[in-house]
Amino acid sequence: MAFFKDTRAELKKVVWPTGKQVVNNTVWVVILVAVISAIVLGFDLLLEKGDHALWQMISKWIG
């Protein structure tokens, strides 16, 4: 029973974020995920084109 009392006492010490802070942080997370996803997509497309060009050169060289 002491565990639950201690847990409840600790939860009363927690400073919970306001609704505005939660929304603000959520918006920032979504924006950052979108930006990082776009950067990764750009690198992926660039490497895909480079890979394709490399294989084209190899196939022409081999015959």
N, C-alpha and C. Protein backbone atom coordinates (compact mmCIF):
# COMPACT_ATOMS: atom_id res chain seq x y z
N MET A 1 0.81 -1.20 0.00
CA MET A 1 0.00 0.00 0.00
C MET A 1 0.86 1.27 0.00
N ALA A 2 2.05 1.19 0.58
CA ALA A 2 2.93 2.35 0.63
C ALA A 2 3.34 2.78 -0.77
N PHE A 3 3.48 1.82 -1.65
CA PHE A 3 3.86 2.15 -3.03
C PHE A 3 2.85 3.10 -3.66
N PHE A 4 1.57 2.81 -3.51
CA PHE A 4 0.54 3.64 -4.12
C PHE A 4 0.47 5.02 -3.46
N LYS A 5 0.66 5.09 -2.15
CA LYS A 5 0.69 6.39 -1.47
C LYS A 5 1.88 7.22 -1.95
N ASP A 6 3.04 6.57 -2.06
CA ASP A 6 4.24 7.27 -2.52
C ASP A 6 4.08 7.74 -3.96
N THR A 7 3.49 6.88 -4.77
CA THR A 7 3.27 7.23 -6.17
C THR A 7 2.34 8.43 -6.27
N ARG A 8 1.29 8.42 -5.51
CA ARG A 8 0.33 9.53 -5.52
C ARG A 8 1.01 10.81 -5.04
N ALA A 9 1.82 10.72 -4.03
CA ALA A 9 2.53 11.89 -3.51
C ALA A 9 3.49 12.45 -4.57
N GLU A 10 4.17 11.58 -5.29
CA GLU A 10 5.10 12.03 -6.33
C GLU A 10 4.35 12.68 -7.48
N LEU A 11 3.20 12.12 -7.85
CA LEU A 11 2.42 12.69 -8.95
C LEU A 11 1.89 14.07 -8.60
N LYS A 12 1.68 14.35 -7.33
CA LYS A 12 1.23 15.68 -6.93
C LYS A 12 2.35 16.71 -7.10
N LYS A 13 3.60 16.27 -7.12
CA LYS A 13 4.74 17.17 -7.29
C LYS A 13 5.00 17.52 -8.76
N VAL A 14 4.42 16.75 -9.66
CA VAL A 14 4.67 16.94 -11.08
C VAL A 14 4.04 18.26 -11.54
N VAL A 15 4.79 19.03 -12.31
CA VAL A 15 4.27 20.25 -12.91
C VAL A 15 3.81 19.89 -14.32
N TRP A 16 2.51 19.77 -14.50
CA TRP A 16 1.96 19.37 -15.78
C TRP A 16 1.92 20.56 -16.73
N PRO A 17 2.17 20.33 -18.03
CA PRO A 17 2.12 21.44 -18.99
C PRO A 17 0.67 21.89 -19.22
N THR A 18 0.55 23.15 -19.59
CA THR A 18 -0.78 23.67 -19.90
C THR A 18 -1.22 23.14 -21.27
N GLY A 19 -2.49 23.29 -21.55
CA GLY A 19 -3.00 22.85 -22.85
C GLY A 19 -2.32 23.59 -24.00
N LYS A 20 -2.06 24.89 -23.79
CA LYS A 20 -1.40 25.69 -24.82
C LYS A 20 0.02 25.18 -25.08
N GLN A 21 0.73 24.82 -24.02
CA GLN A 21 2.09 24.29 -24.18
C GLN A 21 2.07 22.96 -24.92
N VAL A 22 1.10 22.12 -24.62
CA VAL A 22 1.00 20.81 -25.29
C VAL A 22 0.74 21.01 -26.79
N VAL A 23 -0.19 21.93 -27.11
CA VAL A 23 -0.48 22.19 -28.52
C VAL A 23 0.74 22.77 -29.22
N ASN A 24 1.41 23.73 -28.57
CA ASN A 24 2.60 24.35 -29.17
C ASN A 24 3.69 23.31 -29.42
N ASN A 25 3.97 22.48 -28.43
CA ASN A 25 5.00 21.45 -28.59
C ASN A 25 4.62 20.44 -29.67
N THR A 26 3.35 20.09 -29.73
CA THR A 26 2.89 19.15 -30.76
C THR A 26 3.07 19.73 -32.15
N VAL A 27 2.74 21.01 -32.32
CA VAL A 27 2.91 21.66 -33.62
C VAL A 27 4.39 21.66 -34.02
N TRP A 28 5.28 21.98 -33.07
CA TRP A 28 6.71 21.98 -33.37
C TRP A 28 7.20 20.59 -33.76
N VAL A 29 6.72 19.58 -33.09
CA VAL A 29 7.13 18.21 -33.41
C VAL A 29 6.68 17.84 -34.82
N VAL A 30 5.44 18.17 -35.16
CA VAL A 30 4.93 17.85 -36.50
C VAL A 30 5.73 18.59 -37.57
N ILE A 31 6.05 19.87 -37.32
CA ILE A 31 6.83 20.65 -38.28
C ILE A 31 8.22 20.04 -38.45
N LEU A 32 8.87 19.72 -37.35
CA LEU A 32 10.23 19.15 -37.44
C LEU A 32 10.23 17.79 -38.13
N VAL A 33 9.23 16.98 -37.85
CA VAL A 33 9.14 15.68 -38.51
C VAL A 33 8.97 15.87 -40.02
N ALA A 34 8.14 16.84 -40.41
CA ALA A 34 7.92 17.10 -41.84
C ALA A 34 9.21 17.59 -42.50
N VAL A 35 9.93 18.49 -41.84
CA VAL A 35 11.17 19.02 -42.41
C VAL A 35 12.23 17.92 -42.54
N ILE A 36 12.41 17.14 -41.49
CA ILE A 36 13.41 16.08 -41.54
C ILE A 36 13.01 15.02 -42.57
N SER A 37 11.72 14.74 -42.69
CA SER A 37 11.26 13.78 -43.70
C SER A 37 11.57 14.29 -45.10
N ALA A 38 11.36 15.59 -45.33
CA ALA A 38 11.66 16.16 -46.64
C ALA A 38 13.15 16.09 -46.95
N ILE A 39 13.99 16.33 -45.94
CA ILE A 39 15.44 16.24 -46.15
C ILE A 39 15.84 14.81 -46.48
N VAL A 40 15.31 13.85 -45.75
CA VAL A 40 15.63 12.44 -46.01
C VAL A 40 15.13 12.03 -47.40
N LEU A 41 13.94 12.50 -47.76
CA LEU A 41 13.40 12.20 -49.10
C LEU A 41 14.32 12.76 -50.18
N GLY A 42 14.80 13.99 -49.97
CA GLY A 42 15.71 14.61 -50.94
C GLY A 42 16.99 13.80 -51.11
N PHE A 43 17.59 13.40 -49.99
CA PHE A 43 18.80 12.58 -50.07
C PHE A 43 18.51 11.24 -50.75
N ASP A 44 17.37 10.65 -50.44
CA ASP A 44 17.00 9.36 -51.04
C ASP A 44 16.87 9.49 -52.55
N LEU A 45 16.18 10.53 -53.00
CA LEU A 45 16.02 10.73 -54.44
C LEU A 45 17.35 11.00 -55.11
N LEU A 46 18.20 11.80 -54.47
CA LEU A 46 19.51 12.10 -55.02
C LEU A 46 20.36 10.83 -55.15
N LEU A 47 20.37 10.02 -54.09
CA LEU A 47 21.15 8.78 -54.14
C LEU A 47 20.56 7.79 -55.14
N GLU A 48 19.24 7.78 -55.27
CA GLU A 48 18.61 6.89 -56.25
C GLU A 48 19.03 7.28 -57.67
N LYS A 49 19.03 8.59 -57.97
CA LYS A 49 19.45 9.04 -59.29
C LYS A 49 20.92 8.72 -59.53
N GLY A 50 21.75 8.92 -58.52
CA GLY A 50 23.18 8.60 -58.65
C GLY A 50 23.39 7.12 -58.88
N ASP A 51 22.65 6.29 -58.17
CA ASP A 51 22.75 4.84 -58.34
C ASP A 51 22.33 4.44 -59.75
N HIS A 52 21.24 5.02 -60.21
CA HIS A 52 20.76 4.70 -61.55
C HIS A 52 21.79 5.13 -62.61
N ALA A 53 22.36 6.31 -62.45
CA ALA A 53 23.36 6.80 -63.41
C ALA A 53 24.60 5.91 -63.38
N LEU A 54 25.00 5.48 -62.20
CA LEU A 54 26.17 4.61 -62.08
C LEU A 54 25.92 3.28 -62.80
N TRP A 55 24.76 2.69 -62.60
CA TRP A 55 24.46 1.42 -63.26
C TRP A 55 24.35 1.59 -64.78
N GLN A 56 23.87 2.75 -65.22
CA GLN A 56 23.83 3.01 -66.67
C GLN A 56 25.24 3.06 -67.24
N MET A 57 26.15 3.73 -66.52
CA MET A 57 27.54 3.80 -66.99
C MET A 57 28.19 2.42 -66.99
N ILE A 58 27.93 1.63 -65.96
CA ILE A 58 28.50 0.30 -65.89
C ILE A 58 27.97 -0.58 -67.02
N SER A 59 26.67 -0.50 -67.29
CA SER A 59 26.09 -1.34 -68.35
C SER A 59 26.64 -0.94 -69.72
N LYS A 60 26.88 0.35 -69.95
CA LYS A 60 27.46 0.79 -71.23
C LYS A 60 28.92 0.33 -71.34
N TRP A 61 29.64 0.37 -70.21
CA TRP A 61 31.04 -0.01 -70.21
C TRP A 61 31.20 -1.51 -70.45
N ILE A 62 30.29 -2.31 -69.80
CA ILE A 62 30.39 -3.76 -69.95
C ILE A 62 29.97 -4.18 -71.36
N GLY A 63 28.99 -3.49 -71.88
CA GLY A 63 28.66 -3.85 -73.25
C GLY A 63 27.24 -4.16 -73.45
